[in-house]
Amino acid sequence: MEERRKVQRHRTLKAGSIRFNRGSGIDCRVRNVSPEGALLEVASQIGIPDDFVLVVAIDRVRQPCHVIWRDPTRLGVQFKAA
């Protein structure tokens, strides 16, 4: 597989939440992260919009995101300017 990322991501395993529609949320796991984006694992893609806010409570992070790619249990997201 050809690597297309501009910045290398670092492996991690943190609990997160995908927030949209004024507080609705879906639990996720952050599997890797860089200053430009992240890989998120979810139980299901159903109902997840293309744009949302990723919340990682342990790091006090609220980061607007845009989905770049999807598969049944994973999302590749790019961080947007806050």
N, C-alpha and C. Protein backbone atom coordinates (compact mmCIF):
# COMPACT_ATOMS: atom_id res chain seq x y z
N MET A 1 0.84 -1.18 0.00
CA MET A 1 0.00 0.00 0.00
C MET A 1 0.89 1.25 0.00
N GLU A 2 0.55 2.19 -0.81
CA GLU A 2 1.31 3.43 -0.93
C GLU A 2 0.98 4.37 0.23
N GLU A 3 1.99 4.88 0.90
CA GLU A 3 1.82 5.84 1.99
C GLU A 3 1.57 7.22 1.41
N ARG A 4 0.44 7.83 1.77
CA ARG A 4 0.08 9.15 1.23
C ARG A 4 0.05 10.24 2.28
N ARG A 5 0.33 9.92 3.53
CA ARG A 5 0.31 10.94 4.58
C ARG A 5 1.51 11.87 4.45
N LYS A 6 1.28 13.14 4.76
CA LYS A 6 2.35 14.13 4.72
C LYS A 6 3.20 14.06 5.99
N VAL A 7 2.56 13.69 7.11
CA VAL A 7 3.22 13.64 8.41
C VAL A 7 3.01 12.25 9.01
N GLN A 8 4.07 11.66 9.56
CA GLN A 8 3.97 10.34 10.16
C GLN A 8 3.07 10.36 11.40
N ARG A 9 2.25 9.33 11.54
CA ARG A 9 1.39 9.22 12.71
C ARG A 9 2.06 8.36 13.77
N HIS A 10 1.68 8.59 15.02
CA HIS A 10 2.25 7.86 16.14
C HIS A 10 1.17 6.98 16.76
N ARG A 11 1.53 5.73 17.03
CA ARG A 11 0.58 4.79 17.60
C ARG A 11 0.15 5.22 18.99
N THR A 12 -1.13 4.99 19.27
CA THR A 12 -1.68 5.30 20.57
C THR A 12 -2.92 4.43 20.79
N LEU A 13 -3.46 4.43 21.96
CA LEU A 13 -4.72 3.75 22.25
C LEU A 13 -5.43 4.55 23.33
N LYS A 14 -6.31 5.44 22.90
CA LYS A 14 -7.02 6.32 23.83
C LYS A 14 -8.51 6.28 23.54
N ALA A 15 -9.29 6.43 24.60
CA ALA A 15 -10.74 6.51 24.45
C ALA A 15 -11.11 7.89 23.93
N GLY A 16 -12.06 7.91 22.98
CA GLY A 16 -12.53 9.17 22.43
C GLY A 16 -14.02 9.14 22.20
N SER A 17 -14.53 10.26 21.76
CA SER A 17 -15.95 10.37 21.45
C SER A 17 -16.10 11.22 20.20
N ILE A 18 -16.91 10.75 19.26
CA ILE A 18 -17.24 11.48 18.05
C ILE A 18 -18.51 12.26 18.35
N ARG A 19 -18.41 13.61 18.36
CA ARG A 19 -19.54 14.46 18.74
C ARG A 19 -20.07 15.22 17.54
N PHE A 20 -21.41 15.25 17.42
CA PHE A 20 -22.07 15.98 16.34
C PHE A 20 -23.49 16.28 16.77
N ASN A 21 -24.19 17.08 16.01
CA ASN A 21 -25.59 17.44 16.29
C ASN A 21 -25.80 17.92 17.73
N ARG A 22 -25.00 18.91 18.12
CA ARG A 22 -25.15 19.52 19.44
C ARG A 22 -25.04 18.54 20.59
N GLY A 23 -24.06 17.66 20.53
CA GLY A 23 -23.80 16.81 21.67
C GLY A 23 -24.00 15.33 21.47
N SER A 24 -24.70 14.91 20.41
CA SER A 24 -24.82 13.48 20.16
C SER A 24 -23.42 12.91 20.04
N GLY A 25 -23.20 11.70 20.52
CA GLY A 25 -21.85 11.16 20.47
C GLY A 25 -21.80 9.67 20.26
N ILE A 26 -20.68 9.23 19.70
CA ILE A 26 -20.40 7.81 19.48
C ILE A 26 -19.01 7.55 20.04
N ASP A 27 -18.89 6.52 20.87
CA ASP A 27 -17.59 6.16 21.42
C ASP A 27 -16.66 5.65 20.33
N CYS A 28 -15.37 5.95 20.49
CA CYS A 28 -14.36 5.47 19.55
C CYS A 28 -13.05 5.26 20.29
N ARG A 29 -12.10 4.64 19.60
CA ARG A 29 -10.74 4.51 20.09
C ARG A 29 -9.81 5.20 19.10
N VAL A 30 -8.91 6.01 19.61
CA VAL A 30 -7.90 6.67 18.78
C VAL A 30 -6.72 5.72 18.71
N ARG A 31 -6.43 5.21 17.50
CA ARG A 31 -5.38 4.21 17.32
C ARG A 31 -4.04 4.81 16.91
N ASN A 32 -4.06 5.89 16.15
CA ASN A 32 -2.83 6.62 15.85
C ASN A 32 -3.18 8.07 15.59
N VAL A 33 -2.17 8.93 15.73
CA VAL A 33 -2.44 10.36 15.65
C VAL A 33 -1.20 11.10 15.15
N SER A 34 -1.43 12.22 14.47
CA SER A 34 -0.37 13.13 14.06
C SER A 34 -0.93 14.54 14.22
N PRO A 35 -0.13 15.56 13.99
CA PRO A 35 -0.68 16.92 14.05
C PRO A 35 -1.76 17.18 13.00
N GLU A 36 -1.82 16.36 11.95
CA GLU A 36 -2.77 16.58 10.86
C GLU A 36 -3.99 15.67 10.85
N GLY A 37 -3.95 14.54 11.60
CA GLY A 37 -5.09 13.63 11.54
C GLY A 37 -4.95 12.45 12.47
N ALA A 38 -5.88 11.49 12.33
CA ALA A 38 -5.91 10.34 13.22
C ALA A 38 -6.64 9.17 12.57
N LEU A 39 -6.42 7.99 13.15
CA LEU A 39 -7.16 6.78 12.80
C LEU A 39 -8.05 6.46 13.99
N LEU A 40 -9.35 6.35 13.74
CA LEU A 40 -10.32 6.07 14.78
C LEU A 40 -10.95 4.71 14.52
N GLU A 41 -11.18 3.94 15.60
CA GLU A 41 -11.92 2.68 15.50
C GLU A 41 -13.29 2.88 16.14
N VAL A 42 -14.31 2.35 15.48
CA VAL A 42 -15.69 2.46 15.96
C VAL A 42 -16.36 1.09 15.84
N ALA A 43 -17.44 0.89 16.57
CA ALA A 43 -18.20 -0.36 16.47
C ALA A 43 -18.92 -0.44 15.13
N SER A 44 -19.40 0.71 14.63
CA SER A 44 -20.14 0.75 13.38
C SER A 44 -20.05 2.14 12.77
N GLN A 45 -20.07 2.22 11.45
CA GLN A 45 -20.05 3.49 10.73
C GLN A 45 -21.42 4.17 10.67
N ILE A 46 -22.45 3.43 10.99
CA ILE A 46 -23.81 3.93 10.82
C ILE A 46 -24.02 5.21 11.63
N GLY A 47 -24.46 6.25 10.94
CA GLY A 47 -24.81 7.51 11.59
C GLY A 47 -23.67 8.48 11.81
N ILE A 48 -22.46 8.13 11.42
CA ILE A 48 -21.33 9.04 11.61
C ILE A 48 -21.22 9.96 10.40
N PRO A 49 -21.35 11.28 10.62
CA PRO A 49 -21.27 12.23 9.49
C PRO A 49 -19.82 12.42 9.03
N ASP A 50 -19.65 13.10 7.91
CA ASP A 50 -18.32 13.38 7.38
C ASP A 50 -17.56 14.42 8.20
N ASP A 51 -18.26 15.28 8.91
CA ASP A 51 -17.64 16.30 9.74
C ASP A 51 -18.16 16.20 11.16
N PHE A 52 -17.26 16.22 12.13
CA PHE A 52 -17.63 16.10 13.54
C PHE A 52 -16.49 16.63 14.40
N VAL A 53 -16.69 16.60 15.71
CA VAL A 53 -15.66 17.01 16.67
C VAL A 53 -15.21 15.75 17.41
N LEU A 54 -13.90 15.52 17.41
CA LEU A 54 -13.32 14.42 18.18
C LEU A 54 -12.97 14.95 19.56
N VAL A 55 -13.49 14.26 20.59
CA VAL A 55 -13.20 14.63 21.98
C VAL A 55 -12.39 13.51 22.60
N VAL A 56 -11.21 13.86 23.13
CA VAL A 56 -10.37 12.92 23.89
C VAL A 56 -10.24 13.54 25.28
N ALA A 57 -11.08 13.06 26.20
CA ALA A 57 -11.20 13.68 27.53
C ALA A 57 -9.89 13.64 28.31
N ILE A 58 -9.17 12.54 28.25
CA ILE A 58 -7.93 12.42 29.03
C ILE A 58 -6.90 13.47 28.64
N ASP A 59 -6.90 13.90 27.39
CA ASP A 59 -5.98 14.93 26.91
C ASP A 59 -6.61 16.31 26.84
N ARG A 60 -7.89 16.42 27.21
CA ARG A 60 -8.64 17.68 27.13
C ARG A 60 -8.62 18.24 25.71
N VAL A 61 -8.87 17.37 24.74
CA VAL A 61 -8.83 17.73 23.32
C VAL A 61 -10.24 17.77 22.76
N ARG A 62 -10.55 18.81 22.00
CA ARG A 62 -11.78 18.93 21.21
C ARG A 62 -11.32 19.39 19.83
N GLN A 63 -11.27 18.47 18.88
CA GLN A 63 -10.69 18.76 17.57
C GLN A 63 -11.69 18.54 16.45
N PRO A 64 -12.04 19.59 15.69
CA PRO A 64 -12.90 19.41 14.52
C PRO A 64 -12.19 18.50 13.50
N CYS A 65 -12.96 17.58 12.89
CA CYS A 65 -12.39 16.60 11.95
C CYS A 65 -13.24 16.49 10.70
N HIS A 66 -12.59 16.02 9.64
CA HIS A 66 -13.27 15.66 8.39
C HIS A 66 -12.82 14.26 8.01
N VAL A 67 -13.78 13.38 7.68
CA VAL A 67 -13.46 12.00 7.31
C VAL A 67 -12.85 11.98 5.91
N ILE A 68 -11.68 11.35 5.79
CA ILE A 68 -10.98 11.21 4.52
C ILE A 68 -11.28 9.85 3.90
N TRP A 69 -11.36 8.80 4.74
CA TRP A 69 -11.69 7.46 4.26
C TRP A 69 -12.42 6.70 5.36
N ARG A 70 -13.12 5.64 4.96
CA ARG A 70 -13.90 4.81 5.88
C ARG A 70 -13.77 3.34 5.49
N ASP A 71 -13.85 2.46 6.48
CA ASP A 71 -14.14 1.06 6.24
C ASP A 71 -15.12 0.65 7.33
N PRO A 72 -15.55 -0.58 7.42
CA PRO A 72 -16.64 -0.91 8.36
C PRO A 72 -16.41 -0.52 9.82
N THR A 73 -15.16 -0.55 10.31
CA THR A 73 -14.91 -0.24 11.72
C THR A 73 -13.84 0.81 11.94
N ARG A 74 -13.38 1.46 10.88
CA ARG A 74 -12.32 2.47 11.02
C ARG A 74 -12.61 3.72 10.21
N LEU A 75 -12.08 4.85 10.71
CA LEU A 75 -12.19 6.14 10.03
C LEU A 75 -10.81 6.77 9.98
N GLY A 76 -10.42 7.26 8.84
CA GLY A 76 -9.24 8.10 8.74
C GLY A 76 -9.71 9.53 8.68
N VAL A 77 -9.28 10.36 9.64
CA VAL A 77 -9.77 11.74 9.69
C VAL A 77 -8.62 12.73 9.57
N GLN A 78 -8.95 13.87 8.98
CA GLN A 78 -8.03 14.99 8.88
C GLN A 78 -8.55 16.06 9.84
N PHE A 79 -7.64 16.65 10.63
CA PHE A 79 -8.03 17.71 11.53
C PHE A 79 -8.25 19.00 10.77
N LYS A 80 -9.30 19.73 11.16
CA LYS A 80 -9.62 21.02 10.55
C LYS A 80 -9.19 22.12 11.51
N ALA A 81 -8.99 23.30 10.99
CA ALA A 81 -8.65 24.45 11.84
C ALA A 81 -9.81 24.70 12.80
N ALA A 82 -9.47 24.93 14.05
CA ALA A 82 -10.50 25.12 15.09
C ALA A 82 -11.25 26.41 14.95
